[in-house]
Amino acid sequence: MSLFERRIRGFRLVDVVALGLLTALVLGVYLAKTMAGRERAEIARTERQIDAERLRIRLLEAEVQHLERPDRIERLSSSHLGMAPVAAGQETEPDKLVEIARRETVNEP
């Protein structure tokens, strides 16, 4: 009796093996599609998070631009700190800064 003619419970051995392989193939394809679907959902969720973070970055950059406006900083410094723009007489050359610093330390009590 050859391998192709051998019967198990009325079915040829070749048919049983082919059915087993077909079942394994179907299950493998099903698992692959399920895993791909899960990964696709994860990618979509990550892309949504990236879009949300980009929107947050744009909002924060707009807020920084608003907070760093020179007229706003000038207004706040003069109203809260009593600061004013530097007068022309208070300006000096960078080379003279050491001399001014020495003069200030000598004049301190």
PDB file of N, CA and C in Angstrom:
ATOM      1  N   MET A   1       0.847  -1.170   0.000  1.00  0.00           N
ATOM      2  CA  MET A   1       0.000   0.000   0.000  1.00  0.00           C
ATOM      3  C   MET A   1       0.895   1.237   0.000  1.00  0.00           C
ATOM      4  N   SER A   2       0.660   2.144  -0.936  1.00  0.00           N
ATOM      5  CA  SER A   2       1.510   3.326  -1.045  1.00  0.00           C
ATOM      6  C   SER A   2       1.028   4.415  -0.090  1.00  0.00           C
ATOM      7  N   LEU A   3       1.850   5.429   0.049  1.00  0.00           N
ATOM      8  CA  LEU A   3       1.550   6.531   0.959  1.00  0.00           C
ATOM      9  C   LEU A   3       0.302   7.287   0.525  1.00  0.00           C
ATOM     10  N   PHE A   4       0.072   7.372  -0.787  1.00  0.00           N
ATOM     11  CA  PHE A   4      -1.083   8.111  -1.289  1.00  0.00           C
ATOM     12  C   PHE A   4      -2.381   7.310  -1.180  1.00  0.00           C
ATOM     13  N   GLU A   5      -2.275   6.031  -0.983  1.00  0.00           N
ATOM     14  CA  GLU A   5      -3.463   5.179  -0.919  1.00  0.00           C
ATOM     15  C   GLU A   5      -3.830   4.821   0.515  1.00  0.00           C
ATOM     16  N   ARG A   6      -2.983   5.109   1.452  1.00  0.00           N
ATOM     17  CA  ARG A   6      -3.265   4.769   2.843  1.00  0.00           C
ATOM     18  C   ARG A   6      -4.427   5.595   3.341  1.00  0.00           C
ATOM     19  N   ARG A   7      -5.326   4.994   4.093  1.00  0.00           N
ATOM     20  CA  ARG A   7      -6.543   5.661   4.557  1.00  0.00           C
ATOM     21  C   ARG A   7      -6.581   5.706   6.086  1.00  0.00           C
ATOM     22  N   ILE A   8      -7.097   6.858   6.574  1.00  0.00           N
ATOM     23  CA  ILE A   8      -7.298   7.025   8.010  1.00  0.00           C
ATOM     24  C   ILE A   8      -8.773   7.383   8.195  1.00  0.00           C
ATOM     25  N   ARG A   9      -9.528   6.506   8.812  1.00  0.00           N
ATOM     26  CA  ARG A   9     -10.965   6.678   9.038  1.00  0.00           C
ATOM     27  C   ARG A   9     -11.707   7.004   7.763  1.00  0.00           C
ATOM     28  N   GLY A  10     -11.340   6.436   6.716  1.00  0.00           N
ATOM     29  CA  GLY A  10     -12.038   6.595   5.452  1.00  0.00           C
ATOM     30  C   GLY A  10     -11.493   7.700   4.564  1.00  0.00           C
ATOM     31  N   PHE A  11     -10.521   8.450   5.039  1.00  0.00           N
ATOM     32  CA  PHE A  11      -9.944   9.529   4.241  1.00  0.00           C
ATOM     33  C   PHE A  11      -8.516   9.160   3.874  1.00  0.00           C
ATOM     34  N   ARG A  12      -8.114   9.548   2.683  1.00  0.00           N
ATOM     35  CA  ARG A  12      -6.733   9.278   2.291  1.00  0.00           C
ATOM     36  C   ARG A  12      -5.802  10.154   3.120  1.00  0.00           C
ATOM     37  N   LEU A  13      -4.644   9.654   3.428  1.00  0.00           N
ATOM     38  CA  LEU A  13      -3.657  10.382   4.233  1.00  0.00           C
ATOM     39  C   LEU A  13      -3.268  11.698   3.568  1.00  0.00           C
ATOM     40  N   VAL A  14      -3.190  11.711   2.254  1.00  0.00           N
ATOM     41  CA  VAL A  14      -2.839  12.933   1.521  1.00  0.00           C
ATOM     42  C   VAL A  14      -3.914  13.997   1.741  1.00  0.00           C
ATOM     43  N   ASP A  15      -5.178  13.583   1.756  1.00  0.00           N
ATOM     44  CA  ASP A  15      -6.273  14.539   1.976  1.00  0.00           C
ATOM     45  C   ASP A  15      -6.229  15.112   3.392  1.00  0.00           C
ATOM     46  N   VAL A  16      -5.926  14.281   4.358  1.00  0.00           N
ATOM     47  CA  VAL A  16      -5.848  14.739   5.753  1.00  0.00           C
ATOM     48  C   VAL A  16      -4.692  15.723   5.915  1.00  0.00           C
ATOM     49  N   VAL A  17      -3.551  15.412   5.335  1.00  0.00           N
ATOM     50  CA  VAL A  17      -2.386  16.306   5.422  1.00  0.00           C
ATOM     51  C   VAL A  17      -2.696  17.623   4.710  1.00  0.00           C
ATOM     52  N   ALA A  18      -3.332  17.560   3.541  1.00  0.00           N
ATOM     53  CA  ALA A  18      -3.674  18.773   2.806  1.00  0.00           C
ATOM     54  C   ALA A  18      -4.665  19.624   3.600  1.00  0.00           C
ATOM     55  N   LEU A  19      -5.633  19.002   4.248  1.00  0.00           N
ATOM     56  CA  LEU A  19      -6.596  19.740   5.083  1.00  0.00           C
ATOM     57  C   LEU A  19      -5.878  20.403   6.261  1.00  0.00           C
ATOM     58  N   GLY A  20      -4.936  19.688   6.860  1.00  0.00           N
ATOM     59  CA  GLY A  20      -4.163  20.272   7.968  1.00  0.00           C
ATOM     60  C   GLY A  20      -3.336  21.456   7.515  1.00  0.00           C
ATOM     61  N   LEU A  21      -2.686  21.330   6.380  1.00  0.00           N
ATOM     62  CA  LEU A  21      -1.892  22.453   5.856  1.00  0.00           C
ATOM     63  C   LEU A  21      -2.770  23.643   5.501  1.00  0.00           C
ATOM     64  N   LEU A  22      -3.930  23.354   4.891  1.00  0.00           N
ATOM     65  CA  LEU A  22      -4.858  24.432   4.542  1.00  0.00           C
ATOM     66  C   LEU A  22      -5.351  25.152   5.789  1.00  0.00           C
ATOM     67  N   THR A  23      -5.676  24.394   6.835  1.00  0.00           N
ATOM     68  CA  THR A  23      -6.119  24.992   8.097  1.00  0.00           C
ATOM     69  C   THR A  23      -5.002  25.851   8.701  1.00  0.00           C
ATOM     70  N   ALA A  24      -3.780  25.336   8.698  1.00  0.00           N
ATOM     71  CA  ALA A  24      -2.653  26.106   9.233  1.00  0.00           C
ATOM     72  C   ALA A  24      -2.430  27.376   8.422  1.00  0.00           C
ATOM     73  N   LEU A  25      -2.567  27.293   7.116  1.00  0.00           N
ATOM     74  CA  LEU A  25      -2.395  28.463   6.260  1.00  0.00           C
ATOM     75  C   LEU A  25      -3.470  29.507   6.522  1.00  0.00           C
ATOM     76  N   VAL A  26      -4.726  29.055   6.663  1.00  0.00           N
ATOM     77  CA  VAL A  26      -5.831  29.985   6.937  1.00  0.00           C
ATOM     78  C   VAL A  26      -5.620  30.669   8.279  1.00  0.00           C
ATOM     79  N   LEU A  27      -5.239  29.898   9.297  1.00  0.00           N
ATOM     80  CA  LEU A  27      -4.982  30.496  10.607  1.00  0.00           C
ATOM     81  C   LEU A  27      -3.805  31.474  10.561  1.00  0.00           C
ATOM     82  N   GLY A  28      -2.774  31.122   9.811  1.00  0.00           N
ATOM     83  CA  GLY A  28      -1.623  32.026   9.680  1.00  0.00           C
ATOM     84  C   GLY A  28      -1.991  33.340   9.017  1.00  0.00           C
ATOM     85  N   VAL A  29      -2.791  33.269   7.963  1.00  0.00           N
ATOM     86  CA  VAL A  29      -3.226  34.497   7.278  1.00  0.00           C
ATOM     87  C   VAL A  29      -4.112  35.321   8.200  1.00  0.00           C
ATOM     88  N   TYR A  30      -5.006  34.656   8.944  1.00  0.00           N
ATOM     89  CA  TYR A  30      -5.891  35.368   9.870  1.00  0.00           C
ATOM     90  C   TYR A  30      -5.074  36.089  10.943  1.00  0.00           C
ATOM     91  N   LEU A  31      -4.093  35.394  11.523  1.00  0.00           N
ATOM     92  CA  LEU A  31      -3.256  36.021  12.545  1.00  0.00           C
ATOM     93  C   LEU A  31      -2.442  37.180  11.971  1.00  0.00           C
ATOM     94  N   ALA A  32      -1.935  37.007  10.766  1.00  0.00           N
ATOM     95  CA  ALA A  32      -1.153  38.081  10.137  1.00  0.00           C
ATOM     96  C   ALA A  32      -2.029  39.313   9.900  1.00  0.00           C
ATOM     97  N   LYS A  33      -3.260  39.097   9.430  1.00  0.00           N
ATOM     98  CA  LYS A  33      -4.158  40.233   9.197  1.00  0.00           C
ATOM     99  C   LYS A  33      -4.552  40.904  10.508  1.00  0.00           C
ATOM    100  N   THR A  34      -4.759  40.108  11.540  1.00  0.00           N
ATOM    101  CA  THR A  34      -5.115  40.670  12.842  1.00  0.00           C
ATOM    102  C   THR A  34      -3.975  41.518  13.394  1.00  0.00           C
ATOM    103  N   MET A  35      -2.749  41.000  13.289  1.00  0.00           N
ATOM    104  CA  MET A  35      -1.598  41.759  13.775  1.00  0.00           C
ATOM    105  C   MET A  35      -1.384  43.019  12.938  1.00  0.00           C
ATOM    106  N   ALA A  36      -1.594  42.936  11.641  1.00  0.00           N
ATOM    107  CA  ALA A  36      -1.438  44.112  10.774  1.00  0.00           C
ATOM    108  C   ALA A  36      -2.491  45.162  11.107  1.00  0.00           C
ATOM    109  N   GLY A  37      -3.710  44.712  11.383  1.00  0.00           N
ATOM    110  CA  GLY A  37      -4.765  45.659  11.763  1.00  0.00           C
ATOM    111  C   GLY A  37      -4.448  46.355  13.068  1.00  0.00           C
ATOM    112  N   ARG A  38      -3.901  45.605  14.020  1.00  0.00           N
ATOM    113  CA  ARG A  38      -3.528  46.192  15.307  1.00  0.00           C
ATOM    114  C   ARG A  38      -2.414  47.217  15.118  1.00  0.00           C
ATOM    115  N   GLU A  39      -1.427  46.873  14.294  1.00  0.00           N
ATOM    116  CA  GLU A  39      -0.329  47.813  14.032  1.00  0.00           C
ATOM    117  C   GLU A  39      -0.821  49.043  13.289  1.00  0.00           C
ATOM    118  N   ARG A  40      -1.767  48.860  12.368  1.00  0.00           N
ATOM    119  CA  ARG A  40      -2.324  49.990  11.634  1.00  0.00           C
ATOM    120  C   ARG A  40      -3.055  50.937  12.593  1.00  0.00           C
ATOM    121  N   ALA A  41      -3.802  50.358  13.549  1.00  0.00           N
ATOM    122  CA  ALA A  41      -4.488  51.180  14.546  1.00  0.00           C
ATOM    123  C   ALA A  41      -3.486  51.915  15.431  1.00  0.00           C
ATOM    124  N   GLU A  42      -2.401  51.250  15.792  1.00  0.00           N
ATOM    125  CA  GLU A  42      -1.362  51.884  16.609  1.00  0.00           C
ATOM    126  C   GLU A  42      -0.687  53.023  15.845  1.00  0.00           C
ATOM    127  N   ILE A  43      -0.443  52.815  14.566  1.00  0.00           N
ATOM    128  CA  ILE A  43       0.161  53.869  13.738  1.00  0.00           C
ATOM    129  C   ILE A  43      -0.778  55.054  13.632  1.00  0.00           C
ATOM    130  N   ALA A  44      -2.060  54.795  13.451  1.00  0.00           N
ATOM    131  CA  ALA A  44      -3.036  55.885  13.357  1.00  0.00           C
ATOM    132  C   ALA A  44      -3.102  56.661  14.671  1.00  0.00           C
ATOM    133  N   ARG A  45      -3.053  55.944  15.800  1.00  0.00           N
ATOM    134  CA  ARG A  45      -3.093  56.612  17.105  1.00  0.00           C
ATOM    135  C   ARG A  45      -1.849  57.470  17.295  1.00  0.00           C
ATOM    136  N   THR A  46      -0.694  56.960  16.896  1.00  0.00           N
ATOM    137  CA  THR A  46       0.554  57.715  17.015  1.00  0.00           C
ATOM    138  C   THR A  46       0.531  58.952  16.113  1.00  0.00           C
ATOM    139  N   GLU A  47      -0.005  58.812  14.916  1.00  0.00           N
ATOM    140  CA  GLU A  47      -0.100  59.971  14.015  1.00  0.00           C
ATOM    141  C   GLU A  47      -1.033  61.030  14.587  1.00  0.00           C
ATOM    142  N   ARG A  48      -2.125  60.609  15.230  1.00  0.00           N
ATOM    143  CA  ARG A  48      -3.020  61.584  15.875  1.00  0.00           C
ATOM    144  C   ARG A  48      -2.307  62.306  17.013  1.00  0.00           C
ATOM    145  N   GLN A  49      -1.484  61.571  17.775  1.00  0.00           N
ATOM    146  CA  GLN A  49      -0.720  62.197  18.853  1.00  0.00           C
ATOM    147  C   GLN A  49       0.287  63.196  18.289  1.00  0.00           C
ATOM    148  N   ILE A  50       0.923  62.845  17.188  1.00  0.00           N
ATOM    149  CA  ILE A  50       1.891  63.749  16.559  1.00  0.00           C
ATOM    150  C   ILE A  50       1.187  65.019  16.094  1.00  0.00           C
ATOM    151  N   ASP A  51       0.016  64.879  15.477  1.00  0.00           N
ATOM    152  CA  ASP A  51      -0.731  66.060  15.033  1.00  0.00           C
ATOM    153  C   ASP A  51      -1.127  66.933  16.215  1.00  0.00           C
ATOM    154  N   ALA A  52      -1.561  66.305  17.314  1.00  0.00           N
ATOM    155  CA  ALA A  52      -1.927  67.073  18.505  1.00  0.00           C
ATOM    156  C   ALA A  52      -0.713  67.809  19.070  1.00  0.00           C
ATOM    157  N   GLU A  53       0.449  67.152  19.075  1.00  0.00           N
ATOM    158  CA  GLU A  53       1.659  67.798  19.587  1.00  0.00           C
ATOM    159  C   GLU A  53       2.106  68.938  18.673  1.00  0.00           C
ATOM    160  N   ARG A  54       1.947  68.762  17.362  1.00  0.00           N
ATOM    161  CA  ARG A  54       2.289  69.856  16.446  1.00  0.00           C
ATOM    162  C   ARG A  54       1.396  71.064  16.693  1.00  0.00           C
ATOM    163  N   LEU A  55       0.108  70.826  16.932  1.00  0.00           N
ATOM    164  CA  LEU A  55      -0.805  71.920  17.237  1.00  0.00           C
ATOM    165  C   LEU A  55      -0.389  72.600  18.535  1.00  0.00           C
ATOM    166  N   ARG A  56      -0.022  71.801  19.529  1.00  0.00           N
ATOM    167  CA  ARG A  56       0.418  72.361  20.809  1.00  0.00           C
ATOM    168  C   ARG A  56       1.696  73.180  20.622  1.00  0.00           C
ATOM    169  N   ILE A  57       2.605  72.710  19.795  1.00  0.00           N
ATOM    170  CA  ILE A  57       3.845  73.448  19.519  1.00  0.00           C
ATOM    171  C   ILE A  57       3.523  74.785  18.867  1.00  0.00           C
ATOM    172  N   ARG A  58       2.607  74.782  17.890  1.00  0.00           N
ATOM    173  CA  ARG A  58       2.237  76.049  17.232  1.00  0.00           C
ATOM    174  C   ARG A  58       1.612  77.016  18.235  1.00  0.00           C
ATOM    175  N   LEU A  59       0.762  76.503  19.127  1.00  0.00           N
ATOM    176  CA  LEU A  59       0.154  77.372  20.137  1.00  0.00           C
ATOM    177  C   LEU A  59       1.204  77.941  21.087  1.00  0.00           C
ATOM    178  N   LEU A  60       2.159  77.106  21.498  1.00  0.00           N
ATOM    179  CA  LEU A  60       3.204  77.580  22.400  1.00  0.00           C
ATOM    180  C   LEU A  60       4.121  78.594  21.715  1.00  0.00           C
ATOM    181  N   GLU A  61       4.425  78.369  20.437  1.00  0.00           N
ATOM    182  CA  GLU A  61       5.240  79.340  19.710  1.00  0.00           C
ATOM    183  C   GLU A  61       4.513  80.675  19.581  1.00  0.00           C
ATOM    184  N   ALA A  62       3.204  80.632  19.346  1.00  0.00           N
ATOM    185  CA  ALA A  62       2.426  81.874  19.267  1.00  0.00           C
ATOM    186  C   ALA A  62       2.420  82.579  20.617  1.00  0.00           C
ATOM    187  N   GLU A  63       2.324  81.807  21.698  1.00  0.00           N
ATOM    188  CA  GLU A  63       2.338  82.410  23.026  1.00  0.00           C
ATOM    189  C   GLU A  63       3.696  83.041  23.325  1.00  0.00           C
ATOM    190  N   VAL A  64       4.772  82.373  22.933  1.00  0.00           N
ATOM    191  CA  VAL A  64       6.120  82.925  23.137  1.00  0.00           C
ATOM    192  C   VAL A  64       6.285  84.217  22.350  1.00  0.00           C
ATOM    193  N   GLN A  65       5.822  84.226  21.109  1.00  0.00           N
ATOM    194  CA  GLN A  65       5.907  85.445  20.306  1.00  0.00           C
ATOM    195  C   GLN A  65       5.142  86.584  20.969  1.00  0.00           C
ATOM    196  N   HIS A  66       3.991  86.281  21.543  1.00  0.00           N
ATOM    197  CA  HIS A  66       3.215  87.325  22.225  1.00  0.00           C
ATOM    198  C   HIS A  66       3.954  87.807  23.472  1.00  0.00           C
ATOM    199  N   LEU A  67       4.496  86.870  24.247  1.00  0.00           N
ATOM    200  CA  LEU A  67       5.156  87.253  25.495  1.00  0.00           C
ATOM    201  C   LEU A  67       6.481  87.977  25.267  1.00  0.00           C
ATOM    202  N   GLU A  68       7.134  87.754  24.135  1.00  0.00           N
ATOM    203  CA  GLU A  68       8.435  88.375  23.874  1.00  0.00           C
ATOM    204  C   GLU A  68       8.337  89.658  23.055  1.00  0.00           C
ATOM    205  N   ARG A  69       7.144  90.166  22.859  1.00  0.00           N
ATOM    206  CA  ARG A  69       7.016  91.417  22.100  1.00  0.00           C
ATOM    207  C   ARG A  69       7.725  92.538  22.859  1.00  0.00           C
ATOM    208  N   PRO A  70       8.581  93.306  22.196  1.00  0.00           N
ATOM    209  CA  PRO A  70       9.352  94.359  22.874  1.00  0.00           C
ATOM    210  C   PRO A  70       8.469  95.420  23.538  1.00  0.00           C
ATOM    211  N   ASP A  71       7.382  95.812  22.903  1.00  0.00           N
ATOM    212  CA  ASP A  71       6.543  96.835  23.522  1.00  0.00           C
ATOM    213  C   ASP A  71       5.890  96.318  24.803  1.00  0.00           C
ATOM    214  N   ARG A  72       5.543  95.042  24.853  1.00  0.00           N
ATOM    215  CA  ARG A  72       4.961  94.457  26.053  1.00  0.00           C
ATOM    216  C   ARG A  72       5.998  94.392  27.172  1.00  0.00           C
ATOM    217  N   ILE A  73       7.222  93.960  26.826  1.00  0.00           N
ATOM    218  CA  ILE A  73       8.284  93.870  27.832  1.00  0.00           C
ATOM    219  C   ILE A  73       8.637  95.257  28.359  1.00  0.00           C
ATOM    220  N   GLU A  74       8.684  96.235  27.482  1.00  0.00           N
ATOM    221  CA  GLU A  74       8.981  97.610  27.921  1.00  0.00           C
ATOM    222  C   GLU A  74       7.896  98.123  28.854  1.00  0.00           C
ATOM    223  N   ARG A  75       6.654  97.873  28.499  1.00  0.00           N
ATOM    224  CA  ARG A  75       5.540  98.337  29.335  1.00  0.00           C
ATOM    225  C   ARG A  75       5.584  97.664  30.709  1.00  0.00           C
ATOM    226  N   LEU A  76       5.830  96.371  30.761  1.00  0.00           N
ATOM    227  CA  LEU A  76       5.894  95.654  32.034  1.00  0.00           C
ATOM    228  C   LEU A  76       7.098  96.089  32.864  1.00  0.00           C
ATOM    229  N   SER A  77       8.244  96.289  32.234  1.00  0.00           N
ATOM    230  CA  SER A  77       9.436  96.676  32.993  1.00  0.00           C
ATOM    231  C   SER A  77       9.280  98.079  33.580  1.00  0.00           C
ATOM    232  N   SER A  78       8.634  98.963  32.852  1.00  0.00           N
ATOM    233  CA  SER A  78       8.470 100.317  33.408  1.00  0.00           C
ATOM    234  C   SER A  78       7.374 100.349  34.469  1.00  0.00           C
ATOM    235  N   SER A  79       6.301  99.579  34.312  1.00  0.00           N
ATOM    236  CA  SER A  79       5.215  99.635  35.297  1.00  0.00           C
ATOM    237  C   SER A  79       5.522  98.827  36.559  1.00  0.00           C
ATOM    238  N   HIS A  80       6.150  97.663  36.439  1.00  0.00           N
ATOM    239  CA  HIS A  80       6.384  96.820  37.613  1.00  0.00           C
ATOM    240  C   HIS A  80       7.761  97.000  38.233  1.00  0.00           C
ATOM    241  N   LEU A  81       8.759  97.313  37.444  1.00  0.00           N
ATOM    242  CA  LEU A  81      10.113  97.393  37.958  1.00  0.00           C
ATOM    243  C   LEU A  81      10.660  98.812  37.988  1.00  0.00           C
ATOM    244  N   GLY A  82       9.931  99.752  37.415  1.00  0.00           N
ATOM    245  CA  GLY A  82      10.387 101.127  37.387  1.00  0.00           C
ATOM    246  C   GLY A  82      11.591 101.323  36.489  1.00  0.00           C
ATOM    247  N   MET A  83      11.779 100.483  35.516  1.00  0.00           N
ATOM    248  CA  MET A  83      12.919 100.580  34.608  1.00  0.00           C
ATOM    249  C   MET A  83      12.584 101.538  33.471  1.00  0.00           C
ATOM    250  N   ALA A  84      13.616 102.122  32.905  1.00  0.00           N
ATOM    251  CA  ALA A  84      13.453 103.042  31.781  1.00  0.00           C
ATOM    252  C   ALA A  84      14.588 102.778  30.792  1.00  0.00           C
ATOM    253  N   PRO A  85      14.460 103.252  29.566  1.00  0.00           N
ATOM    254  CA  PRO A  85      15.546 103.076  28.604  1.00  0.00           C
ATOM    255  C   PRO A  85      16.827 103.759  29.080  1.00  0.00           C
ATOM    256  N   VAL A  86      17.951 103.254  28.648  1.00  0.00           N
ATOM    257  CA  VAL A  86      19.254 103.787  29.045  1.00  0.00           C
ATOM    258  C   VAL A  86      19.459 105.147  28.387  1.00  0.00           C
ATOM    259  N   ALA A  87      19.881 106.108  29.195  1.00  0.00           N
ATOM    260  CA  ALA A  87      20.159 107.443  28.668  1.00  0.00           C
ATOM    261  C   ALA A  87      21.495 107.418  27.940  1.00  0.00           C
ATOM    262  N   ALA A  88      21.688 108.370  27.051  1.00  0.00           N
ATOM    263  CA  ALA A  88      22.920 108.412  26.248  1.00  0.00           C
ATOM    264  C   ALA A  88      24.150 108.601  27.125  1.00  0.00           C
ATOM    265  N   GLY A  89      24.026 109.290  28.234  1.00  0.00           N
ATOM    266  CA  GLY A  89      25.154 109.526  29.129  1.00  0.00           C
ATOM    267  C   GLY A  89      25.571 108.272  29.883  1.00  0.00           C
ATOM    268  N   GLN A  90      24.717 107.300  29.948  1.00  0.00           N
ATOM    269  CA  GLN A  90      25.032 106.074  30.672  1.00  0.00           C
ATOM    270  C   GLN A  90      25.710 105.024  29.791  1.00  0.00           C
ATOM    271  N   GLU A  91      25.805 105.265  28.517  1.00  0.00           N
ATOM    272  CA  GLU A  91      26.429 104.300  27.609  1.00  0.00           C
ATOM    273  C   GLU A  91      27.946 104.442  27.672  1.00  0.00           C
ATOM    274  N   THR A  92      28.640 103.340  27.429  1.00  0.00           N
ATOM    275  CA  THR A  92      30.094 103.351  27.454  1.00  0.00           C
ATOM    276  C   THR A  92      30.631 102.346  26.437  1.00  0.00           C
ATOM    277  N   GLU A  93      31.919 102.395  26.234  1.00  0.00           N
ATOM    278  CA  GLU A  93      32.600 101.473  25.336  1.00  0.00           C
ATOM    279  C   GLU A  93      32.903 100.180  26.090  1.00  0.00           C
ATOM    280  N   PRO A  94      32.953  99.048  25.411  1.00  0.00           N
ATOM    281  CA  PRO A  94      33.270  97.785  26.107  1.00  0.00           C
ATOM    282  C   PRO A  94      34.647  97.778  26.761  1.00  0.00           C
ATOM    283  N   ASP A  95      35.593  98.509  26.209  1.00  0.00           N
ATOM    284  CA  ASP A  95      36.936  98.539  26.789  1.00  0.00           C
ATOM    285  C   ASP A  95      36.961  99.248  28.142  1.00  0.00           C
ATOM    286  N   LYS A  96      36.055 100.136  28.395  1.00  0.00           N
ATOM    287  CA  LYS A  96      36.047 100.921  29.625  1.00  0.00           C
ATOM    288  C   LYS A  96      35.261 100.245  30.748  1.00  0.00           C
ATOM    289  N   LEU A  97      34.679  99.091  30.493  1.00  0.00           N
ATOM    290  CA  LEU A  97      33.878  98.417  31.515  1.00  0.00           C
ATOM    291  C   LEU A  97      34.719  97.993  32.719  1.00  0.00           C
ATOM    292  N   VAL A  98      35.938  97.558  32.490  1.00  0.00           N
ATOM    293  CA  VAL A  98      36.811  97.141  33.592  1.00  0.00           C
ATOM    294  C   VAL A  98      37.121  98.338  34.479  1.00  0.00           C
ATOM    295  N   GLU A  99      37.394  99.459  33.883  1.00  0.00           N
ATOM    296  CA  GLU A  99      37.699 100.682  34.641  1.00  0.00           C
ATOM    297  C   GLU A  99      36.492 101.115  35.481  1.00  0.00           C
ATOM    298  N   ILE A 100      35.324 101.049  34.912  1.00  0.00           N
ATOM    299  CA  ILE A 100      34.108 101.433  35.646  1.00  0.00           C
ATOM    300  C   ILE A 100      33.866 100.464  36.796  1.00  0.00           C
ATOM    301  N   ALA A 101      34.093  99.188  36.571  1.00  0.00           N
ATOM    302  CA  ALA A 101      33.896  98.198  37.628  1.00  0.00           C
ATOM    303  C   ALA A 101      34.876  98.420  38.773  1.00  0.00           C
ATOM    304  N   ARG A 102      36.111  98.761  38.477  1.00  0.00           N
ATOM    305  CA  ARG A 102      37.100  99.033  39.530  1.00  0.00           C
ATOM    306  C   ARG A 102      36.717 100.280  40.335  1.00  0.00           C
ATOM    307  N   ARG A 103      36.233 101.304  39.636  1.00  0.00           N
ATOM    308  CA  ARG A 103      35.826 102.537  40.281  1.00  0.00           C
ATOM    309  C   ARG A 103      34.650 102.273  41.224  1.00  0.00           C
ATOM    310  N   GLU A 104      33.735 101.421  40.806  1.00  0.00           N
ATOM    311  CA  GLU A 104      32.559 101.113  41.625  1.00  0.00           C
ATOM    312  C   GLU A 104      32.972 100.331  42.867  1.00  0.00           C
ATOM    313  N   THR A 105      33.940  99.417  42.769  1.00  0.00           N
ATOM    314  CA  THR A 105      34.351  98.626  43.944  1.00  0.00           C
ATOM    315  C   THR A 105      35.121  99.488  44.928  1.00  0.00           C
ATOM    316  N   VAL A 106      35.844 100.480  44.434  1.00  0.00           N
ATOM    317  CA  VAL A 106      36.583 101.392  45.326  1.00  0.00           C
ATOM    318  C   VAL A 106      35.586 102.280  46.058  1.00  0.00           C
ATOM    319  N   ASN A 107      34.519 102.722  45.425  1.00  0.00           N
ATOM    320  CA  ASN A 107      33.564 103.634  46.031  1.00  0.00           C
ATOM    321  C   ASN A 107      32.610 102.932  46.992  1.00  0.00           C
ATOM    322  N   GLU A 108      32.556 101.619  46.981  1.00  0.00           N
ATOM    323  CA  GLU A 108      31.648 100.906  47.900  1.00  0.00           C
ATOM    324  C   GLU A 108      32.182 100.964  49.295  1.00  0.00           C
ATOM    325  N   PRO A 109      31.318 101.148  50.315  1.00  0.00           N
ATOM    326  CA  PRO A 109      31.780 101.233  51.713  1.00  0.00           C
ATOM    327  C   PRO A 109      32.128  99.892  52.290  1.00  0.00           C
TER     328      PRO A 109
END
